[in-house]
Amino acid sequence: MTHPAPDRGRFITIEGPEGAGKTTQASRLEATLRARGVSVRGTREPGGTILGERIRELLLAPSPTPIDPLADALLFNAARRQLVEEVIAPSLGVGITVICARFADSTRAYQGYGGGLVLDELARLEQIATRGLQPDLTLLLDLPVEIGLARKAPVDRTRFETGFDLAFHRRVRNGFLEMAVAEPGRFVVVDATADTDAVAERIVRAVDHLLFDDGSVAGEPNRPAARIHP
């Protein structure tokens, strides 16, 4: 069934700690929506543009020395700015739904909650980089950090898996969950410890209500985003 294109596309982001399955679920969601006749474009952060992919290499490659959290935040926002201007905003403007694996919430979680940067300062950087663009729906794939990190094969581990301890990753997870509590109208928290098919089904239900019902996820209460502790 083909659905009429809206005047403005919807912006959907998929967030979560390491090993939550964001890339897999973003690809599955894109394929599901395309099969239903929805105009959709998938992308990722950092990346999605020539400049963004070059910055991605710098950000994720192992580093012999620690990188300052503010330097990280500036680089992430530089890649984000290019992605918004080149891909996201133009797509939304012609009615294409955009699915992005990670967006600005990741910078708040990693460099803010995890790295200790002031959240208000990160918000100002985000405002400049995105021109105030926010997702219509954020799917937070949540799971204990020990499980997520154990899922990552050695070849897939980036600087953020190899260079940061469990306490950092727990702060990141806490940050995501606190953001979900603060913005329940935007976030849907999904149990990422479930099998891949079950996670995909939960995601599709949430997205169906956004795209076709334009309401909250009726009958599917948001999973409580309780804070965890180190």
C-alpha atoms as a PDB file:
ATOM      1  CA  MET A   1       0.000   0.000   0.000  1.00  0.00           C
ATOM      2  CA  THR A   2       1.376   3.381  -0.989  1.00  0.00           C
ATOM      3  CA  HIS A   3       0.828   6.252   1.407  1.00  0.00           C
ATOM      4  CA  PRO A   4       0.634   9.865   0.212  1.00  0.00           C
ATOM      5  CA  ALA A   5       3.761  11.878   0.903  1.00  0.00           C
ATOM      6  CA  PRO A   6       3.347  14.444   3.687  1.00  0.00           C
ATOM      7  CA  ASP A   7       4.213  18.093   3.122  1.00  0.00           C
ATOM      8  CA  ARG A   8       7.199  17.555   5.401  1.00  0.00           C
ATOM      9  CA  GLY A   9       8.973  14.289   6.012  1.00  0.00           C
ATOM     10  CA  ARG A  10       9.287  12.850   9.484  1.00  0.00           C
ATOM     11  CA  PHE A  11      12.638  12.671  11.238  1.00  0.00           C
ATOM     12  CA  ILE A  12      13.247   9.463  13.189  1.00  0.00           C
ATOM     13  CA  THR A  13      16.415   8.777  15.169  1.00  0.00           C
ATOM     14  CA  ILE A  14      17.638   5.563  16.744  1.00  0.00           C
ATOM     15  CA  GLU A  15      19.799   5.965  19.833  1.00  0.00           C
ATOM     16  CA  GLY A  16      21.313   3.844  22.554  1.00  0.00           C
ATOM     17  CA  PRO A  17      24.518   2.635  24.170  1.00  0.00           C
ATOM     18  CA  GLU A  18      27.093   0.463  22.429  1.00  0.00           C
ATOM     19  CA  GLY A  19      25.899  -2.870  21.080  1.00  0.00           C
ATOM     20  CA  ALA A  20      22.200  -2.020  21.206  1.00  0.00           C
ATOM     21  CA  GLY A  21      21.636  -2.839  17.534  1.00  0.00           C
ATOM     22  CA  LYS A  22      21.045   0.652  16.178  1.00  0.00           C
ATOM     23  CA  THR A  23      22.516   0.048  12.727  1.00  0.00           C
ATOM     24  CA  THR A  24      20.670  -3.241  12.270  1.00  0.00           C
ATOM     25  CA  GLN A  25      17.336  -1.815  13.361  1.00  0.00           C
ATOM     26  CA  ALA A  26      17.740   1.343  11.287  1.00  0.00           C
ATOM     27  CA  SER A  27      18.307  -0.772   8.177  1.00  0.00           C
ATOM     28  CA  ARG A  28      15.334  -2.999   8.952  1.00  0.00           C
ATOM     29  CA  LEU A  29      13.050  -0.052   9.565  1.00  0.00           C
ATOM     30  CA  GLU A  30      14.130   1.611   6.334  1.00  0.00           C
ATOM     31  CA  ALA A  31      13.386  -1.577   4.378  1.00  0.00           C
ATOM     32  CA  THR A  32      10.001  -2.013   6.078  1.00  0.00           C
ATOM     33  CA  LEU A  33       8.883   1.533   5.337  1.00  0.00           C
ATOM     34  CA  ARG A  34      10.117   1.386   1.745  1.00  0.00           C
ATOM     35  CA  ALA A  35       8.165  -1.851   1.207  1.00  0.00           C
ATOM     36  CA  ARG A  36       5.065  -0.016   2.427  1.00  0.00           C
ATOM     37  CA  GLY A  37       5.530   2.719  -0.133  1.00  0.00           C
ATOM     38  CA  VAL A  38       6.924   5.349   2.219  1.00  0.00           C
ATOM     39  CA  SER A  39       9.583   7.639   0.770  1.00  0.00           C
ATOM     40  CA  VAL A  40      12.458   7.114   3.169  1.00  0.00           C
ATOM     41  CA  ARG A  41      16.163   7.826   3.413  1.00  0.00           C
ATOM     42  CA  GLY A  42      18.535   6.226   5.872  1.00  0.00           C
ATOM     43  CA  THR A  43      21.701   7.822   7.200  1.00  0.00           C
ATOM     44  CA  ARG A  44      23.983   7.740  10.213  1.00  0.00           C
ATOM     45  CA  GLU A  45      26.056   9.829  12.586  1.00  0.00           C
ATOM     46  CA  PRO A  46      28.809  10.633  12.358  1.00  0.00           C
ATOM     47  CA  GLY A  47      28.784  10.203   8.604  1.00  0.00           C
ATOM     48  CA  GLY A  48      26.236  10.297   5.843  1.00  0.00           C
ATOM     49  CA  THR A  49      28.222  12.783   3.748  1.00  0.00           C
ATOM     50  CA  ILE A  50      31.748  12.801   2.312  1.00  0.00           C
ATOM     51  CA  LEU A  51      32.879  15.214   5.007  1.00  0.00           C
ATOM     52  CA  GLY A  52      31.005  13.331   7.714  1.00  0.00           C
ATOM     53  CA  GLU A  53      32.567  10.002   6.795  1.00  0.00           C
ATOM     54  CA  ARG A  54      36.042  11.532   6.967  1.00  0.00           C
ATOM     55  CA  ILE A  55      35.274  12.966  10.397  1.00  0.00           C
ATOM     56  CA  ARG A  56      33.870   9.565  11.408  1.00  0.00           C
ATOM     57  CA  GLU A  57      37.241   7.967  10.698  1.00  0.00           C
ATOM     58  CA  LEU A  58      38.952  10.492  12.955  1.00  0.00           C
ATOM     59  CA  LEU A  59      36.420  10.126  15.756  1.00  0.00           C
ATOM     60  CA  LEU A  60      36.158   6.345  15.907  1.00  0.00           C
ATOM     61  CA  ALA A  61      39.730   5.238  15.214  1.00  0.00           C
ATOM     62  CA  PRO A  62      41.801   4.219  18.249  1.00  0.00           C
ATOM     63  CA  SER A  63      43.890   7.094  19.563  1.00  0.00           C
ATOM     64  CA  PRO A  64      47.273   6.773  21.301  1.00  0.00           C
ATOM     65  CA  THR A  65      46.361   9.752  23.512  1.00  0.00           C
ATOM     66  CA  PRO A  66      43.044  10.783  25.095  1.00  0.00           C
ATOM     67  CA  ILE A  67      40.904  13.171  23.065  1.00  0.00           C
ATOM     68  CA  ASP A  68      39.346  16.063  24.968  1.00  0.00           C
ATOM     69  CA  PRO A  69      35.536  15.694  25.222  1.00  0.00           C
ATOM     70  CA  LEU A  70      35.010  19.202  23.837  1.00  0.00           C
ATOM     71  CA  ALA A  71      37.159  18.378  20.804  1.00  0.00           C
ATOM     72  CA  ASP A  72      34.962  15.306  20.298  1.00  0.00           C
ATOM     73  CA  ALA A  73      31.799  17.388  20.625  1.00  0.00           C
ATOM     74  CA  LEU A  74      33.022  19.965  18.123  1.00  0.00           C
ATOM     75  CA  LEU A  75      33.887  17.289  15.572  1.00  0.00           C
ATOM     76  CA  PHE A  76      30.567  15.489  16.026  1.00  0.00           C
ATOM     77  CA  ASN A  77      28.724  18.769  15.539  1.00  0.00           C
ATOM     78  CA  ALA A  78      30.749  19.637  12.457  1.00  0.00           C
ATOM     79  CA  ALA A  79      29.737  16.336  10.881  1.00  0.00           C
ATOM     80  CA  ARG A  80      26.156  16.907  12.082  1.00  0.00           C
ATOM     81  CA  ARG A  81      25.969  20.344  10.500  1.00  0.00           C
ATOM     82  CA  GLN A  82      26.983  18.975   7.111  1.00  0.00           C
ATOM     83  CA  LEU A  83      24.519  16.086   7.425  1.00  0.00           C
ATOM     84  CA  VAL A  84      21.634  18.395   8.290  1.00  0.00           C
ATOM     85  CA  GLU A  85      22.390  20.809   5.471  1.00  0.00           C
ATOM     86  CA  GLU A  86      23.217  18.249   2.797  1.00  0.00           C
ATOM     87  CA  VAL A  87      20.898  15.328   3.614  1.00  0.00           C
ATOM     88  CA  ILE A  88      18.364  15.678   6.406  1.00  0.00           C
ATOM     89  CA  ALA A  89      16.816  19.110   5.855  1.00  0.00           C
ATOM     90  CA  PRO A  90      16.517  18.777   2.049  1.00  0.00           C
ATOM     91  CA  SER A  91      14.933  15.322   2.395  1.00  0.00           C
ATOM     92  CA  LEU A  92      12.425  16.428   5.011  1.00  0.00           C
ATOM     93  CA  GLY A  93      11.573  19.454   2.902  1.00  0.00           C
ATOM     94  CA  VAL A  94      10.330  17.306   0.009  1.00  0.00           C
ATOM     95  CA  GLY A  95       8.344  14.894   2.172  1.00  0.00           C
ATOM     96  CA  ILE A  96      10.940  12.149   2.627  1.00  0.00           C
ATOM     97  CA  THR A  97      11.091  10.439   6.016  1.00  0.00           C
ATOM     98  CA  VAL A  98      14.656  10.292   7.364  1.00  0.00           C
ATOM     99  CA  ILE A  99      15.936   7.540   9.649  1.00  0.00           C
ATOM    100  CA  CYS A 100      19.223   8.406  11.339  1.00  0.00           C
ATOM    101  CA  ALA A 101      21.273   6.018  13.463  1.00  0.00           C
ATOM    102  CA  ARG A 102      22.408   8.425  16.210  1.00  0.00           C
ATOM    103  CA  PHE A 103      21.954  12.187  16.293  1.00  0.00           C
ATOM    104  CA  ALA A 104      22.466  15.010  18.799  1.00  0.00           C
ATOM    105  CA  ASP A 105      21.265  12.984  21.793  1.00  0.00           C
ATOM    106  CA  SER A 106      24.405  10.858  21.434  1.00  0.00           C
ATOM    107  CA  THR A 107      26.648  13.880  21.902  1.00  0.00           C
ATOM    108  CA  ARG A 108      24.731  14.860  25.018  1.00  0.00           C
ATOM    109  CA  ALA A 109      24.963  11.305  26.343  1.00  0.00           C
ATOM    110  CA  TYR A 110      28.617  10.619  25.518  1.00  0.00           C
ATOM    111  CA  GLN A 111      30.366  13.962  25.843  1.00  0.00           C
ATOM    112  CA  GLY A 112      27.897  15.420  28.353  1.00  0.00           C
ATOM    113  CA  TYR A 113      26.809  12.692  30.764  1.00  0.00           C
ATOM    114  CA  GLY A 114      29.777  10.475  29.979  1.00  0.00           C
ATOM    115  CA  GLY A 115      32.556  13.032  29.480  1.00  0.00           C
ATOM    116  CA  GLY A 116      31.389  15.672  31.928  1.00  0.00           C
ATOM    117  CA  LEU A 117      30.788  18.614  29.586  1.00  0.00           C
ATOM    118  CA  VAL A 118      28.164  21.152  30.619  1.00  0.00           C
ATOM    119  CA  LEU A 119      24.863  20.181  29.001  1.00  0.00           C
ATOM    120  CA  ASP A 120      23.828  23.778  28.371  1.00  0.00           C
ATOM    121  CA  GLU A 121      27.031  24.363  26.405  1.00  0.00           C
ATOM    122  CA  LEU A 122      26.384  21.253  24.324  1.00  0.00           C
ATOM    123  CA  ALA A 123      22.846  22.483  23.708  1.00  0.00           C
ATOM    124  CA  ARG A 124      24.225  25.732  22.279  1.00  0.00           C
ATOM    125  CA  LEU A 125      26.542  23.835  19.945  1.00  0.00           C
ATOM    126  CA  GLU A 126      23.662  21.611  18.913  1.00  0.00           C
ATOM    127  CA  GLN A 127      21.450  24.606  18.165  1.00  0.00           C
ATOM    128  CA  ILE A 128      24.090  26.058  15.851  1.00  0.00           C
ATOM    129  CA  ALA A 129      24.768  22.749  14.100  1.00  0.00           C
ATOM    130  CA  THR A 130      21.138  21.732  13.581  1.00  0.00           C
ATOM    131  CA  ARG A 131      19.381  25.124  13.320  1.00  0.00           C
ATOM    132  CA  GLY A 132      17.040  23.807  15.990  1.00  0.00           C
ATOM    133  CA  LEU A 133      16.067  20.641  14.124  1.00  0.00           C
ATOM    134  CA  GLN A 134      14.828  17.934  16.482  1.00  0.00           C
ATOM    135  CA  PRO A 135      13.604  14.411  15.758  1.00  0.00           C
ATOM    136  CA  ASP A 136       9.867  13.747  15.604  1.00  0.00           C
ATOM    137  CA  LEU A 137      10.528  10.367  17.224  1.00  0.00           C
ATOM    138  CA  THR A 138      13.566   8.957  19.003  1.00  0.00           C
ATOM    139  CA  LEU A 139      13.747   5.216  19.518  1.00  0.00           C
ATOM    140  CA  LEU A 140      16.061   4.508  22.447  1.00  0.00           C
ATOM    141  CA  LEU A 141      17.362   0.943  22.319  1.00  0.00           C
ATOM    142  CA  ASP A 142      18.268   0.276  25.930  1.00  0.00           C
ATOM    143  CA  LEU A 143      20.262  -2.554  27.483  1.00  0.00           C
ATOM    144  CA  PRO A 144      22.842  -3.041  30.249  1.00  0.00           C
ATOM    145  CA  VAL A 145      26.229  -1.817  29.112  1.00  0.00           C
ATOM    146  CA  GLU A 146      27.940  -5.125  29.909  1.00  0.00           C
ATOM    147  CA  ILE A 147      25.624  -6.934  27.492  1.00  0.00           C
ATOM    148  CA  GLY A 148      26.047  -4.347  24.775  1.00  0.00           C
ATOM    149  CA  LEU A 149      29.823  -4.244  24.968  1.00  0.00           C
ATOM    150  CA  ALA A 150      30.024  -8.050  24.928  1.00  0.00           C
ATOM    151  CA  ARG A 151      28.065  -8.089  21.669  1.00  0.00           C
ATOM    152  CA  LYS A 152      30.724  -6.128  19.797  1.00  0.00           C
ATOM    153  CA  ALA A 153      33.203  -8.253  17.877  1.00  0.00           C
ATOM    154  CA  PRO A 154      36.840  -7.133  18.269  1.00  0.00           C
ATOM    155  CA  VAL A 155      36.952  -5.986  14.638  1.00  0.00           C
ATOM    156  CA  ASP A 156      33.932  -3.726  15.218  1.00  0.00           C
ATOM    157  CA  ARG A 157      35.189  -2.028  18.379  1.00  0.00           C
ATOM    158  CA  THR A 158      35.855   1.680  18.087  1.00  0.00           C
ATOM    159  CA  ARG A 159      37.738   4.083  20.348  1.00  0.00           C
ATOM    160  CA  PHE A 160      34.618   4.355  22.501  1.00  0.00           C
ATOM    161  CA  GLU A 161      34.624   0.646  23.309  1.00  0.00           C
ATOM    162  CA  THR A 162      38.374   0.279  23.760  1.00  0.00           C
ATOM    163  CA  GLY A 163      39.264   3.593  25.379  1.00  0.00           C
ATOM    164  CA  PHE A 164      36.558   4.086  28.017  1.00  0.00           C
ATOM    165  CA  ASP A 165      35.716   2.116  31.145  1.00  0.00           C
ATOM    166  CA  LEU A 166      32.412   0.634  32.309  1.00  0.00           C
ATOM    167  CA  ALA A 167      31.700   3.627  34.545  1.00  0.00           C
ATOM    168  CA  PHE A 168      31.771   5.902  31.482  1.00  0.00           C
ATOM    169  CA  HIS A 169      29.390   3.666  29.551  1.00  0.00           C
ATOM    170  CA  ARG A 170      27.035   3.470  32.534  1.00  0.00           C
ATOM    171  CA  ARG A 171      26.955   7.262  32.688  1.00  0.00           C
ATOM    172  CA  VAL A 172      26.149   7.311  28.979  1.00  0.00           C
ATOM    173  CA  ARG A 173      23.271   4.892  29.477  1.00  0.00           C
ATOM    174  CA  ASN A 174      22.010   6.923  32.429  1.00  0.00           C
ATOM    175  CA  GLY A 175      22.132  10.017  30.247  1.00  0.00           C
ATOM    176  CA  PHE A 176      20.003   8.468  27.535  1.00  0.00           C
ATOM    177  CA  LEU A 177      17.456   7.296  30.102  1.00  0.00           C
ATOM    178  CA  GLU A 178      17.328  10.705  31.791  1.00  0.00           C
ATOM    179  CA  MET A 179      16.676  12.353  28.434  1.00  0.00           C
ATOM    180  CA  ALA A 180      13.866   9.879  27.817  1.00  0.00           C
ATOM    181  CA  VAL A 181      12.295  10.777  31.161  1.00  0.00           C
ATOM    182  CA  ALA A 182      12.591  14.484  30.357  1.00  0.00           C
ATOM    183  CA  GLU A 183      11.012  14.152  26.878  1.00  0.00           C
ATOM    184  CA  PRO A 184       8.455  11.329  27.009  1.00  0.00           C
ATOM    185  CA  GLY A 185       6.599  12.736  24.018  1.00  0.00           C
ATOM    186  CA  ARG A 186       9.615  12.212  21.752  1.00  0.00           C
ATOM    187  CA  PHE A 187      11.277   9.099  23.151  1.00  0.00           C
ATOM    188  CA  VAL A 188      10.112   5.509  23.010  1.00  0.00           C
ATOM    189  CA  VAL A 189      12.362   3.242  25.067  1.00  0.00           C
ATOM    190  CA  VAL A 190      12.742  -0.262  23.630  1.00  0.00           C
ATOM    191  CA  ASP A 191      14.187  -3.250  25.473  1.00  0.00           C
ATOM    192  CA  ALA A 192      17.181  -4.108  23.298  1.00  0.00           C
ATOM    193  CA  THR A 193      17.891  -7.325  25.210  1.00  0.00           C
ATOM    194  CA  ALA A 194      14.980  -8.897  23.315  1.00  0.00           C
ATOM    195  CA  ASP A 195      15.648 -10.775  20.086  1.00  0.00           C
ATOM    196  CA  THR A 196      16.140  -8.797  16.896  1.00  0.00           C
ATOM    197  CA  ASP A 197      12.679  -9.558  15.493  1.00  0.00           C
ATOM    198  CA  ALA A 198      10.901  -8.523  18.695  1.00  0.00           C
ATOM    199  CA  VAL A 199      12.835  -5.240  18.813  1.00  0.00           C
ATOM    200  CA  ALA A 200      11.983  -4.585  15.157  1.00  0.00           C
ATOM    201  CA  GLU A 201       8.279  -5.223  15.783  1.00  0.00           C
ATOM    202  CA  ARG A 202       8.229  -2.791  18.705  1.00  0.00           C
ATOM    203  CA  ILE A 203       9.947  -0.162  16.590  1.00  0.00           C
ATOM    204  CA  VAL A 204       7.486  -0.579  13.726  1.00  0.00           C
ATOM    205  CA  ARG A 205       4.528  -0.156  16.096  1.00  0.00           C
ATOM    206  CA  ALA A 206       5.951   3.124  17.368  1.00  0.00           C
ATOM    207  CA  VAL A 207       6.718   4.381  13.872  1.00  0.00           C
ATOM    208  CA  ASP A 208       3.291   3.376  12.572  1.00  0.00           C
ATOM    209  CA  HIS A 209       1.673   5.636  15.133  1.00  0.00           C
ATOM    210  CA  LEU A 210       3.944   8.500  14.185  1.00  0.00           C
ATOM    211  CA  LEU A 211       3.477   8.198  10.430  1.00  0.00           C
ATOM    212  CA  PHE A 212      -0.067   6.956  10.094  1.00  0.00           C
ATOM    213  CA  ASP A 213      -1.916   7.776  13.319  1.00  0.00           C
ATOM    214  CA  ASP A 214       0.003  10.931  14.316  1.00  0.00           C
ATOM    215  CA  GLY A 215      -0.424  10.123  17.967  1.00  0.00           C
ATOM    216  CA  SER A 216       1.140   8.411  20.915  1.00  0.00           C
ATOM    217  CA  VAL A 217       1.774   4.698  20.914  1.00  0.00           C
ATOM    218  CA  ALA A 218      -1.702   3.678  22.045  1.00  0.00           C
ATOM    219  CA  GLY A 219      -1.776   0.475  24.017  1.00  0.00           C
ATOM    220  CA  GLU A 220       2.023   0.416  24.145  1.00  0.00           C
ATOM    221  CA  PRO A 221       3.121   2.382  27.214  1.00  0.00           C
ATOM    222  CA  ASN A 222       6.640   3.666  27.093  1.00  0.00           C
ATOM    223  CA  ARG A 223       9.038   1.455  28.982  1.00  0.00           C
ATOM    224  CA  PRO A 224       9.966   3.145  32.276  1.00  0.00           C
ATOM    225  CA  ALA A 225      13.292   4.886  31.945  1.00  0.00           C
ATOM    226  CA  ALA A 226      14.598   4.256  35.437  1.00  0.00           C
ATOM    227  CA  ARG A 227      18.032   5.595  36.200  1.00  0.00           C
ATOM    228  CA  ILE A 228      20.756   3.049  36.838  1.00  0.00           C
ATOM    229  CA  HIS A 229      23.780   3.546  39.035  1.00  0.00           C
ATOM    230  CA  PRO A 230      27.477   2.790  38.584  1.00  0.00           C
END
